[in-house]
Amino acid sequence: MIQLILAQATTGGDNAWMSQLLLFGGIILVFYFFMIRPQQKKQKDQKKFISEIKKGDAVVTIGGLHGKVYQVEEDKIVLEVDKGTKMVFEKSAVSLEQSKKLQEK
């Protein structure tokens, strides 16, 4: 039985090699379009969002802190989290996804 299976596997020749190459190429394409490309788009949107933050925007940090942008510096923002309470955060600590949900409400 095993000899029969091995005989069939070796008779494939160039066609088997080509179909295997096409299979791996297809897997790589699917991986790119469903995994890599969406992640790159998400990173691009996050970068754009961070660069466009301005005073008065309601945002949420990656730690879940809600606040309003009080001041924008080069790589930091000052959030007013309560009346008179201000906290300094890195711009990268602001979450695009959570801020979108906050703005939709």
Protein backbone atom coordinates (compact mmCIF):
# COMPACT_ATOMS: atom_id res chain seq x y z
CA MET A 1 0.00 0.00 0.00
CA ILE A 2 2.74 2.45 0.94
CA GLN A 3 4.67 1.60 -2.23
CA LEU A 4 1.60 2.46 -4.30
CA ILE A 5 1.24 5.87 -2.61
CA LEU A 6 4.93 6.65 -3.06
CA ALA A 7 4.76 5.62 -6.72
CA GLN A 8 1.87 8.00 -7.32
CA ALA A 9 3.62 10.85 -5.52
CA THR A 10 6.78 10.58 -7.60
CA THR A 11 5.00 10.41 -10.97
CA GLY A 12 3.71 13.98 -10.63
CA GLY A 13 6.80 15.52 -12.18
CA ASP A 14 6.82 19.20 -13.08
CA ASN A 15 3.07 19.62 -12.72
CA ALA A 16 3.20 18.71 -9.03
CA TRP A 17 6.00 21.19 -8.42
CA MET A 18 4.11 23.94 -10.26
CA SER A 19 0.85 23.31 -8.40
CA GLN A 20 2.71 23.34 -5.09
CA LEU A 21 4.32 26.66 -6.02
CA LEU A 22 0.92 28.12 -6.95
CA LEU A 23 -0.55 26.90 -3.67
CA PHE A 24 2.18 28.58 -1.62
CA GLY A 25 1.87 31.75 -3.72
CA GLY A 26 -1.87 31.81 -3.07
CA ILE A 27 -1.35 31.37 0.65
CA ILE A 28 1.11 34.27 0.69
CA LEU A 29 -1.35 36.50 -1.21
CA VAL A 30 -4.19 35.67 1.16
CA PHE A 31 -1.92 36.30 4.14
CA TYR A 32 -0.90 39.69 2.72
CA PHE A 33 -4.43 40.90 1.94
CA PHE A 34 -6.03 39.68 5.17
CA MET A 35 -3.24 40.28 7.70
CA ILE A 36 -0.47 42.65 6.61
CA ARG A 37 -2.37 45.20 4.51
CA PRO A 38 -5.13 45.95 7.08
CA GLN A 39 -2.51 46.34 9.83
CA GLN A 40 -0.56 48.85 7.72
CA LYS A 41 -3.77 50.80 7.05
CA LYS A 42 -4.63 50.84 10.74
CA GLN A 43 -1.16 52.15 11.63
CA LYS A 44 -1.44 54.85 8.96
CA ASP A 45 -4.85 55.96 10.30
CA GLN A 46 -3.51 56.03 13.89
CA LYS A 47 -0.53 58.16 12.83
CA LYS A 48 -2.80 60.58 10.94
CA PHE A 49 -5.17 60.82 13.92
CA ILE A 50 -2.32 61.61 16.31
CA SER A 51 -0.91 64.30 14.03
CA GLU A 52 -4.34 65.99 13.72
CA ILE A 53 -5.17 66.19 17.45
CA LYS A 54 -6.11 69.74 18.39
CA LYS A 55 -7.22 71.64 21.46
CA GLY A 56 -10.75 70.80 22.55
CA ASP A 57 -10.88 67.26 21.11
CA ALA A 58 -12.37 64.60 23.37
CA VAL A 59 -10.01 61.62 23.44
CA VAL A 60 -9.39 58.37 25.29
CA THR A 61 -5.93 57.12 26.19
CA ILE A 62 -4.84 53.53 25.68
CA GLY A 63 -5.19 53.14 29.45
CA GLY A 64 -8.87 54.11 29.27
CA LEU A 65 -8.62 57.66 30.64
CA HIS A 66 -11.21 60.01 29.10
CA GLY A 67 -10.39 63.67 28.74
CA LYS A 68 -10.42 66.80 26.64
CA VAL A 69 -7.26 68.08 24.98
CA TYR A 70 -6.17 71.21 26.82
CA GLN A 71 -2.82 71.82 25.14
CA VAL A 72 -0.87 70.21 22.29
CA GLU A 73 2.91 70.20 22.30
CA GLU A 74 5.34 68.59 19.87
CA ASP A 75 5.12 65.01 21.13
CA LYS A 76 2.98 65.47 24.24
CA ILE A 77 -0.56 66.51 25.00
CA VAL A 78 -2.12 67.91 28.15
CA LEU A 79 -5.53 66.42 28.92
CA GLU A 80 -8.08 68.01 31.18
CA VAL A 81 -9.69 65.02 32.88
CA ASP A 82 -11.79 66.95 35.40
CA LYS A 83 -12.37 70.60 36.17
CA GLY A 84 -8.91 71.92 36.87
CA THR A 85 -7.19 68.52 36.76
CA LYS A 86 -4.67 68.30 33.94
CA MET A 87 -2.43 65.39 33.02
CA VAL A 88 0.43 65.15 30.54
CA PHE A 89 0.55 62.20 28.10
CA GLU A 90 2.60 61.19 25.10
CA LYS A 91 0.67 61.63 21.87
CA SER A 92 1.15 57.94 21.16
CA ALA A 93 -0.91 57.11 24.27
CA VAL A 94 -4.12 58.32 22.61
CA SER A 95 -6.30 55.56 21.18
CA LEU A 96 -7.92 56.13 17.79
CA GLU A 97 -10.46 53.33 18.19
CA GLN A 98 -11.72 54.42 21.61
CA SER A 99 -11.81 58.09 20.59
CA LYS A 100 -13.96 57.19 17.56
CA LYS A 101 -16.43 55.40 19.83
CA LEU A 102 -16.47 58.41 22.17
CA GLN A 103 -17.24 60.80 19.28
CA GLU A 104 -20.04 58.57 17.94
CA LYS A 105 -21.99 58.77 21.21
